[in-house]
Amino acid sequence: MDYLRGPLYLDIAAKGLCLVGILLMIFGQGGWFTAGVFAVAVGVLFGAWSLVAARRMGSRSGRSGAALLRARPPENDVREDDGHP
């Protein structure tokens, strides 16, 4: 499971930055509020980067998450003549 280490570190960093930013926005005054907004924005960017990194790595089975969510072929669709409304 060593291949998941990169996105995991990015995800932890993203959550930490967002938490620190939220605390700065709640308890900070003046410029610290702005620093909190900036920290949350950077945390969100790190979170997106983590998602992209995990998606690019793919799964070991060779099928990505997108392949699992693809539309079914029309022959597998339920039709009204099958007895279903």
PDB file of N, CA and C in Angstrom:
ATOM      1  N   MET A   1       0.821  -1.193   0.000  1.00  0.00           N
ATOM      2  CA  MET A   1       0.000   0.000   0.000  1.00  0.00           C
ATOM      3  C   MET A   1       0.866   1.257   0.000  1.00  0.00           C
ATOM      4  N   ASP A   2       2.111   1.123  -0.380  1.00  0.00           N
ATOM      5  CA  ASP A   2       3.013   2.256  -0.387  1.00  0.00           C
ATOM      6  C   ASP A   2       2.638   3.260  -1.479  1.00  0.00           C
ATOM      7  N   TYR A   3       1.900   2.829  -2.486  1.00  0.00           N
ATOM      8  CA  TYR A   3       1.542   3.698  -3.595  1.00  0.00           C
ATOM      9  C   TYR A   3       0.496   4.737  -3.202  1.00  0.00           C
ATOM     10  N   LEU A   4      -0.159   4.592  -2.063  1.00  0.00           N
ATOM     11  CA  LEU A   4      -1.169   5.559  -1.626  1.00  0.00           C
ATOM     12  C   LEU A   4      -0.606   6.632  -0.704  1.00  0.00           C
ATOM     13  N   ARG A   5       0.665   6.601  -0.418  1.00  0.00           N
ATOM     14  CA  ARG A   5       1.241   7.510   0.548  1.00  0.00           C
ATOM     15  C   ARG A   5       1.165   8.967   0.098  1.00  0.00           C
ATOM     16  N   GLY A   6       1.425   9.273  -1.165  1.00  0.00           N
ATOM     17  CA  GLY A   6       1.401  10.654  -1.655  1.00  0.00           C
ATOM     18  C   GLY A   6       0.048  11.314  -1.485  1.00  0.00           C
ATOM     19  N   PRO A   7      -1.027  10.744  -2.017  1.00  0.00           N
ATOM     20  CA  PRO A   7      -2.338  11.367  -1.829  1.00  0.00           C
ATOM     21  C   PRO A   7      -2.768  11.431  -0.366  1.00  0.00           C
ATOM     22  N   LEU A   8      -2.325  10.469   0.447  1.00  0.00           N
ATOM     23  CA  LEU A   8      -2.689  10.491   1.861  1.00  0.00           C
ATOM     24  C   LEU A   8      -2.073  11.694   2.550  1.00  0.00           C
ATOM     25  N   TYR A   9      -0.797  11.984   2.282  1.00  0.00           N
ATOM     26  CA  TYR A   9      -0.150  13.146   2.880  1.00  0.00           C
ATOM     27  C   TYR A   9      -0.798  14.438   2.406  1.00  0.00           C
ATOM     28  N   LEU A  10      -1.159  14.491   1.139  1.00  0.00           N
ATOM     29  CA  LEU A  10      -1.839  15.685   0.633  1.00  0.00           C
ATOM     30  C   LEU A  10      -3.192  15.875   1.304  1.00  0.00           C
ATOM     31  N   ASP A  11      -3.899  14.784   1.527  1.00  0.00           N
ATOM     32  CA  ASP A  11      -5.213  14.871   2.164  1.00  0.00           C
ATOM     33  C   ASP A  11      -5.092  15.333   3.610  1.00  0.00           C
ATOM     34  N   ILE A  12      -4.115  14.816   4.339  1.00  0.00           N
ATOM     35  CA  ILE A  12      -3.899  15.239   5.722  1.00  0.00           C
ATOM     36  C   ILE A  12      -3.507  16.710   5.771  1.00  0.00           C
ATOM     37  N   ALA A  13      -2.640  17.135   4.861  1.00  0.00           N
ATOM     38  CA  ALA A  13      -2.244  18.544   4.826  1.00  0.00           C
ATOM     39  C   ALA A  13      -3.435  19.441   4.503  1.00  0.00           C
ATOM     40  N   ALA A  14      -4.287  19.001   3.595  1.00  0.00           N
ATOM     41  CA  ALA A  14      -5.462  19.794   3.218  1.00  0.00           C
ATOM     42  C   ALA A  14      -6.409  19.961   4.403  1.00  0.00           C
ATOM     43  N   LYS A  15      -6.678  18.880   5.104  1.00  0.00           N
ATOM     44  CA  LYS A  15      -7.587  18.963   6.252  1.00  0.00           C
ATOM     45  C   LYS A  15      -6.987  19.796   7.367  1.00  0.00           C
ATOM     46  N   GLY A  16      -5.689  19.671   7.583  1.00  0.00           N
ATOM     47  CA  GLY A  16      -5.023  20.473   8.609  1.00  0.00           C
ATOM     48  C   GLY A  16      -5.071  21.953   8.284  1.00  0.00           C
ATOM     49  N   LEU A  17      -4.793  22.308   7.035  1.00  0.00           N
ATOM     50  CA  LEU A  17      -4.847  23.718   6.638  1.00  0.00           C
ATOM     51  C   LEU A  17      -6.251  24.290   6.772  1.00  0.00           C
ATOM     52  N   CYS A  18      -7.243  23.517   6.400  1.00  0.00           N
ATOM     53  CA  CYS A  18      -8.626  23.998   6.527  1.00  0.00           C
ATOM     54  C   CYS A  18      -9.003  24.190   7.990  1.00  0.00           C
ATOM     55  N   LEU A  19      -8.588  23.276   8.840  1.00  0.00           N
ATOM     56  CA  LEU A  19      -8.897  23.393  10.265  1.00  0.00           C
ATOM     57  C   LEU A  19      -8.207  24.612  10.872  1.00  0.00           C
ATOM     58  N   VAL A  20      -6.929  24.802  10.569  1.00  0.00           N
ATOM     59  CA  VAL A  20      -6.198  25.968  11.073  1.00  0.00           C
ATOM     60  C   VAL A  20      -6.828  27.255  10.542  1.00  0.00           C
ATOM     61  N   GLY A  21      -7.215  27.239   9.274  1.00  0.00           N
ATOM     62  CA  GLY A  21      -7.845  28.427   8.698  1.00  0.00           C
ATOM     63  C   GLY A  21      -9.173  28.755   9.361  1.00  0.00           C
ATOM     64  N   ILE A  22      -9.959  27.740   9.640  1.00  0.00           N
ATOM     65  CA  ILE A  22     -11.246  27.972  10.309  1.00  0.00           C
ATOM     66  C   ILE A  22     -11.028  28.521  11.710  1.00  0.00           C
ATOM     67  N   LEU A  23     -10.049  27.970  12.433  1.00  0.00           N
ATOM     68  CA  LEU A  23      -9.752  28.477  13.774  1.00  0.00           C
ATOM     69  C   LEU A  23      -9.260  29.920  13.722  1.00  0.00           C
ATOM     70  N   LEU A  24      -8.449  30.244  12.731  1.00  0.00           N
ATOM     71  CA  LEU A  24      -7.991  31.624  12.588  1.00  0.00           C
ATOM     72  C   LEU A  24      -9.148  32.568  12.267  1.00  0.00           C
ATOM     73  N   MET A  25     -10.093  32.103  11.453  1.00  0.00           N
ATOM     74  CA  MET A  25     -11.237  32.958  11.126  1.00  0.00           C
ATOM     75  C   MET A  25     -12.153  33.154  12.332  1.00  0.00           C
ATOM     76  N   ILE A  26     -12.259  32.140  13.182  1.00  0.00           N
ATOM     77  CA  ILE A  26     -13.142  32.265  14.347  1.00  0.00           C
ATOM     78  C   ILE A  26     -12.491  33.121  15.428  1.00  0.00           C
ATOM     79  N   PHE A  27     -11.234  32.818  15.763  1.00  0.00           N
ATOM     80  CA  PHE A  27     -10.594  33.463  16.901  1.00  0.00           C
ATOM     81  C   PHE A  27      -9.658  34.607  16.525  1.00  0.00           C
ATOM     82  N   GLY A  28      -9.313  34.727  15.263  1.00  0.00           N
ATOM     83  CA  GLY A  28      -8.389  35.780  14.851  1.00  0.00           C
ATOM     84  C   GLY A  28      -9.087  37.114  14.640  1.00  0.00           C
ATOM     85  N   GLN A  29      -8.305  38.164  14.727  1.00  0.00           N
ATOM     86  CA  GLN A  29      -8.830  39.505  14.499  1.00  0.00           C
ATOM     87  C   GLN A  29      -7.922  40.210  13.505  1.00  0.00           C
ATOM     88  N   GLY A  30      -8.514  41.086  12.729  1.00  0.00           N
ATOM     89  CA  GLY A  30      -7.730  41.878  11.787  1.00  0.00           C
ATOM     90  C   GLY A  30      -7.149  41.027  10.672  1.00  0.00           C
ATOM     91  N   GLY A  31      -5.824  41.054  10.562  1.00  0.00           N
ATOM     92  CA  GLY A  31      -5.134  40.332   9.498  1.00  0.00           C
ATOM     93  C   GLY A  31      -5.174  38.828   9.658  1.00  0.00           C
ATOM     94  N   TRP A  32      -5.400  38.332  10.874  1.00  0.00           N
ATOM     95  CA  TRP A  32      -5.448  36.899  11.088  1.00  0.00           C
ATOM     96  C   TRP A  32      -6.673  36.278  10.429  1.00  0.00           C
ATOM     97  N   PHE A  33      -7.766  37.032  10.324  1.00  0.00           N
ATOM     98  CA  PHE A  33      -8.939  36.528   9.610  1.00  0.00           C
ATOM     99  C   PHE A  33      -8.596  36.306   8.140  1.00  0.00           C
ATOM    100  N   THR A  34      -7.883  37.254   7.554  1.00  0.00           N
ATOM    101  CA  THR A  34      -7.468  37.128   6.151  1.00  0.00           C
ATOM    102  C   THR A  34      -6.526  35.942   5.979  1.00  0.00           C
ATOM    103  N   ALA A  35      -5.637  35.742   6.942  1.00  0.00           N
ATOM    104  CA  ALA A  35      -4.732  34.589   6.883  1.00  0.00           C
ATOM    105  C   ALA A  35      -5.534  33.285   6.962  1.00  0.00           C
ATOM    106  N   GLY A  36      -6.616  33.277   7.743  1.00  0.00           N
ATOM    107  CA  GLY A  36      -7.472  32.098   7.830  1.00  0.00           C
ATOM    108  C   GLY A  36      -8.167  31.801   6.518  1.00  0.00           C
ATOM    109  N   VAL A  37      -8.654  32.831   5.851  1.00  0.00           N
ATOM    110  CA  VAL A  37      -9.292  32.650   4.547  1.00  0.00           C
ATOM    111  C   VAL A  37      -8.283  32.088   3.553  1.00  0.00           C
ATOM    112  N   PHE A  38      -7.071  32.622   3.579  1.00  0.00           N
ATOM    113  CA  PHE A  38      -6.023  32.143   2.683  1.00  0.00           C
ATOM    114  C   PHE A  38      -5.678  30.679   2.986  1.00  0.00           C
ATOM    115  N   ALA A  39      -5.591  30.325   4.269  1.00  0.00           N
ATOM    116  CA  ALA A  39      -5.264  28.940   4.645  1.00  0.00           C
ATOM    117  C   ALA A  39      -6.350  27.973   4.183  1.00  0.00           C
ATOM    118  N   VAL A  40      -7.606  28.368   4.309  1.00  0.00           N
ATOM    119  CA  VAL A  40      -8.699  27.507   3.846  1.00  0.00           C
ATOM    120  C   VAL A  40      -8.641  27.347   2.327  1.00  0.00           C
ATOM    121  N   ALA A  41      -8.353  28.437   1.618  1.00  0.00           N
ATOM    122  CA  ALA A  41      -8.269  28.365   0.155  1.00  0.00           C
ATOM    123  C   ALA A  41      -7.138  27.423  -0.280  1.00  0.00           C
ATOM    124  N   VAL A  42      -5.992  27.524   0.368  1.00  0.00           N
ATOM    125  CA  VAL A  42      -4.872  26.639   0.041  1.00  0.00           C
ATOM    126  C   VAL A  42      -5.211  25.195   0.414  1.00  0.00           C
ATOM    127  N   GLY A  43      -5.916  25.009   1.532  1.00  0.00           N
ATOM    128  CA  GLY A  43      -6.336  23.671   1.935  1.00  0.00           C
ATOM    129  C   GLY A  43      -7.272  23.033   0.927  1.00  0.00           C
ATOM    130  N   VAL A  44      -8.182  23.825   0.380  1.00  0.00           N
ATOM    131  CA  VAL A  44      -9.100  23.302  -0.638  1.00  0.00           C
ATOM    132  C   VAL A  44      -8.326  22.922  -1.897  1.00  0.00           C
ATOM    133  N   LEU A  45      -7.343  23.724  -2.269  1.00  0.00           N
ATOM    134  CA  LEU A  45      -6.520  23.381  -3.432  1.00  0.00           C
ATOM    135  C   LEU A  45      -5.724  22.096  -3.194  1.00  0.00           C
ATOM    136  N   PHE A  46      -5.187  21.932  -1.983  1.00  0.00           N
ATOM    137  CA  PHE A  46      -4.477  20.689  -1.660  1.00  0.00           C
ATOM    138  C   PHE A  46      -5.420  19.502  -1.708  1.00  0.00           C
ATOM    139  N   GLY A  47      -6.651  19.676  -1.249  1.00  0.00           N
ATOM    140  CA  GLY A  47      -7.635  18.595  -1.301  1.00  0.00           C
ATOM    141  C   GLY A  47      -7.941  18.190  -2.731  1.00  0.00           C
ATOM    142  N   ALA A  48      -8.085  19.172  -3.600  1.00  0.00           N
ATOM    143  CA  ALA A  48      -8.328  18.867  -5.016  1.00  0.00           C
ATOM    144  C   ALA A  48      -7.126  18.160  -5.629  1.00  0.00           C
ATOM    145  N   TRP A  49      -5.931  18.602  -5.256  1.00  0.00           N
ATOM    146  CA  TRP A  49      -4.707  17.980  -5.755  1.00  0.00           C
ATOM    147  C   TRP A  49      -4.634  16.525  -5.288  1.00  0.00           C
ATOM    148  N   SER A  50      -5.043  16.269  -4.051  1.00  0.00           N
ATOM    149  CA  SER A  50      -5.058  14.909  -3.529  1.00  0.00           C
ATOM    150  C   SER A  50      -6.023  14.022  -4.311  1.00  0.00           C
ATOM    151  N   LEU A  51      -7.203  14.551  -4.628  1.00  0.00           N
ATOM    152  CA  LEU A  51      -8.175  13.776  -5.410  1.00  0.00           C
ATOM    153  C   LEU A  51      -7.645  13.452  -6.801  1.00  0.00           C
ATOM    154  N   VAL A  52      -7.013  14.439  -7.430  1.00  0.00           N
ATOM    155  CA  VAL A  52      -6.463  14.219  -8.772  1.00  0.00           C
ATOM    156  C   VAL A  52      -5.341  13.183  -8.713  1.00  0.00           C
ATOM    157  N   ALA A  53      -4.485  13.283  -7.692  1.00  0.00           N
ATOM    158  CA  ALA A  53      -3.368  12.336  -7.572  1.00  0.00           C
ATOM    159  C   ALA A  53      -3.876  10.915  -7.344  1.00  0.00           C
ATOM    160  N   ALA A  54      -4.877  10.766  -6.497  1.00  0.00           N
ATOM    161  CA  ALA A  54      -5.419   9.428  -6.237  1.00  0.00           C
ATOM    162  C   ALA A  54      -6.107   8.869  -7.473  1.00  0.00           C
ATOM    163  N   ARG A  55      -6.771   9.720  -8.227  1.00  0.00           N
ATOM    164  CA  ARG A  55      -7.470   9.255  -9.429  1.00  0.00           C
ATOM    165  C   ARG A  55      -6.483   8.839 -10.512  1.00  0.00           C
ATOM    166  N   ARG A  56      -5.370   9.569 -10.636  1.00  0.00           N
ATOM    167  CA  ARG A  56      -4.382   9.223 -11.656  1.00  0.00           C
ATOM    168  C   ARG A  56      -3.667   7.917 -11.361  1.00  0.00           C
ATOM    169  N   MET A  57      -3.588   7.570 -10.078  1.00  0.00           N
ATOM    170  CA  MET A  57      -2.908   6.328  -9.726  1.00  0.00           C
ATOM    171  C   MET A  57      -3.725   5.118 -10.139  1.00  0.00           C
ATOM    172  N   GLY A  58      -5.042   5.241 -10.136  1.00  0.00           N
ATOM    173  CA  GLY A  58      -5.905   4.138 -10.549  1.00  0.00           C
ATOM    174  C   GLY A  58      -5.887   3.016  -9.540  1.00  0.00           C
ATOM    175  N   SER A  59      -6.599   1.979  -9.861  1.00  0.00           N
ATOM    176  CA  SER A  59      -6.652   0.823  -8.977  1.00  0.00           C
ATOM    177  C   SER A  59      -5.767  -0.279  -9.526  1.00  0.00           C
ATOM    178  N   ARG A  60      -5.456  -1.226  -8.686  1.00  0.00           N
ATOM    179  CA  ARG A  60      -4.598  -2.334  -9.113  1.00  0.00           C
ATOM    180  C   ARG A  60      -5.326  -3.305 -10.028  1.00  0.00           C
ATOM    181  N   SER A  61      -6.662  -3.254 -10.025  1.00  0.00           N
ATOM    182  CA  SER A  61      -7.415  -4.170 -10.879  1.00  0.00           C
ATOM    183  C   SER A  61      -7.430  -3.703 -12.335  1.00  0.00           C
ATOM    184  N   GLY A  62      -6.960  -2.480 -12.569  1.00  0.00           N
ATOM    185  CA  GLY A  62      -6.931  -1.973 -13.926  1.00  0.00           C
ATOM    186  C   GLY A  62      -8.154  -1.165 -14.301  1.00  0.00           C
ATOM    187  N   ARG A  63      -9.186  -1.191 -13.469  1.00  0.00           N
ATOM    188  CA  ARG A  63     -10.398  -0.415 -13.751  1.00  0.00           C
ATOM    189  C   ARG A  63     -10.405   0.811 -12.864  1.00  0.00           C
ATOM    190  N   SER A  64     -10.598   1.940 -13.450  1.00  0.00           N
ATOM    191  CA  SER A  64     -10.643   3.160 -12.662  1.00  0.00           C
ATOM    192  C   SER A  64     -12.056   3.383 -12.144  1.00  0.00           C
ATOM    193  N   GLY A  65     -12.204   4.376 -11.272  1.00  0.00           N
ATOM    194  CA  GLY A  65     -13.515   4.697 -10.738  1.00  0.00           C
ATOM    195  C   GLY A  65     -14.464   5.161 -11.823  1.00  0.00           C
ATOM    196  N   ALA A  66     -13.936   5.818 -12.848  1.00  0.00           N
ATOM    197  CA  ALA A  66     -14.783   6.289 -13.941  1.00  0.00           C
ATOM    198  C   ALA A  66     -15.378   5.122 -14.718  1.00  0.00           C
ATOM    199  N   ALA A  67     -14.629   4.036 -14.827  1.00  0.00           N
ATOM    200  CA  ALA A  67     -15.148   2.874 -15.553  1.00  0.00           C
ATOM    201  C   ALA A  67     -16.307   2.239 -14.801  1.00  0.00           C
ATOM    202  N   LEU A  68     -16.278   2.334 -13.489  1.00  0.00           N
ATOM    203  CA  LEU A  68     -17.356   1.754 -12.701  1.00  0.00           C
ATOM    204  C   LEU A  68     -18.633   2.587 -12.799  1.00  0.00           C
ATOM    205  N   LEU A  69     -18.503   3.867 -13.118  1.00  0.00           N
ATOM    206  CA  LEU A  69     -19.657   4.758 -13.162  1.00  0.00           C
ATOM    207  C   LEU A  69     -20.172   4.987 -14.584  1.00  0.00           C
ATOM    208  N   ARG A  70     -19.597   4.319 -15.560  1.00  0.00           N
ATOM    209  CA  ARG A  70     -20.034   4.484 -16.947  1.00  0.00           C
ATOM    210  C   ARG A  70     -21.465   4.020 -17.129  1.00  0.00           C
ATOM    211  N   ALA A  71     -22.093   4.586 -18.110  1.00  0.00           N
ATOM    212  CA  ALA A  71     -23.484   4.213 -18.400  1.00  0.00           C
ATOM    213  C   ALA A  71     -23.550   2.764 -18.865  1.00  0.00           C
ATOM    214  N   ARG A  72     -24.640   2.124 -18.522  1.00  0.00           N
ATOM    215  CA  ARG A  72     -24.834   0.743 -18.949  1.00  0.00           C
ATOM    216  C   ARG A  72     -25.201   0.709 -20.423  1.00  0.00           C
ATOM    217  N   PRO A  73     -24.874  -0.365 -21.093  1.00  0.00           N
ATOM    218  CA  PRO A  73     -25.311  -0.498 -22.487  1.00  0.00           C
ATOM    219  C   PRO A  73     -26.836  -0.597 -22.549  1.00  0.00           C
ATOM    220  N   PRO A  74     -27.436  -0.160 -23.634  1.00  0.00           N
ATOM    221  CA  PRO A  74     -28.903  -0.150 -23.731  1.00  0.00           C
ATOM    222  C   PRO A  74     -29.539  -1.530 -23.569  1.00  0.00           C
ATOM    223  N   GLU A  75     -28.832  -2.608 -23.912  1.00  0.00           N
ATOM    224  CA  GLU A  75     -29.455  -3.926 -23.806  1.00  0.00           C
ATOM    225  C   GLU A  75     -29.688  -4.337 -22.349  1.00  0.00           C
ATOM    226  N   ASN A  76     -29.050  -3.674 -21.390  1.00  0.00           N
ATOM    227  CA  ASN A  76     -29.243  -3.995 -19.978  1.00  0.00           C
ATOM    228  C   ASN A  76     -30.325  -3.135 -19.327  1.00  0.00           C
ATOM    229  N   ASP A  77     -30.893  -2.204 -20.049  1.00  0.00           N
ATOM    230  CA  ASP A  77     -31.914  -1.330 -19.485  1.00  0.00           C
ATOM    231  C   ASP A  77     -33.218  -2.092 -19.268  1.00  0.00           C
ATOM    232  N   VAL A  78     -33.941  -1.652 -18.263  1.00  0.00           N
ATOM    233  CA  VAL A  78     -35.247  -2.248 -17.985  1.00  0.00           C
ATOM    234  C   VAL A  78     -36.263  -1.610 -18.930  1.00  0.00           C
ATOM    235  N   ARG A  79     -37.061  -2.436 -19.585  1.00  0.00           N
ATOM    236  CA  ARG A  79     -38.067  -1.932 -20.512  1.00  0.00           C
ATOM    237  C   ARG A  79     -39.452  -2.142 -19.928  1.00  0.00           C
ATOM    238  N   GLU A  80     -40.411  -1.414 -20.469  1.00  0.00           N
ATOM    239  CA  GLU A  80     -41.779  -1.532 -19.974  1.00  0.00           C
ATOM    240  C   GLU A  80     -42.381  -2.898 -20.263  1.00  0.00           C
ATOM    241  N   ASP A  81     -41.946  -3.548 -21.342  1.00  0.00           N
ATOM    242  CA  ASP A  81     -42.508  -4.847 -21.665  1.00  0.00           C
ATOM    243  C   ASP A  81     -41.938  -5.972 -20.773  1.00  0.00           C
ATOM    244  N   ASP A  82     -41.009  -5.635 -19.871  1.00  0.00           N
ATOM    245  CA  ASP A  82     -40.463  -6.616 -18.927  1.00  0.00           C
ATOM    246  C   ASP A  82     -41.346  -6.795 -17.701  1.00  0.00           C
ATOM    247  N   GLY A  83     -42.433  -6.037 -17.626  1.00  0.00           N
ATOM    248  CA  GLY A  83     -43.310  -6.134 -16.492  1.00  0.00           C
ATOM    249  C   GLY A  83     -43.034  -5.094 -15.424  1.00  0.00           C
ATOM    250  N   HIS A  84     -42.059  -4.233 -15.683  1.00  0.00           N
ATOM    251  CA  HIS A  84     -41.750  -3.162 -14.747  1.00  0.00           C
ATOM    252  C   HIS A  84     -42.420  -1.875 -15.211  1.00  0.00           C
ATOM    253  N   PRO A  85     -42.915  -1.074 -14.275  1.00  0.00           N
ATOM    254  CA  PRO A  85     -43.576   0.191 -14.694  1.00  0.00           C
ATOM    255  C   PRO A  85     -42.592   1.186 -15.227  1.00  0.00           C
TER     256      PRO A  85
END
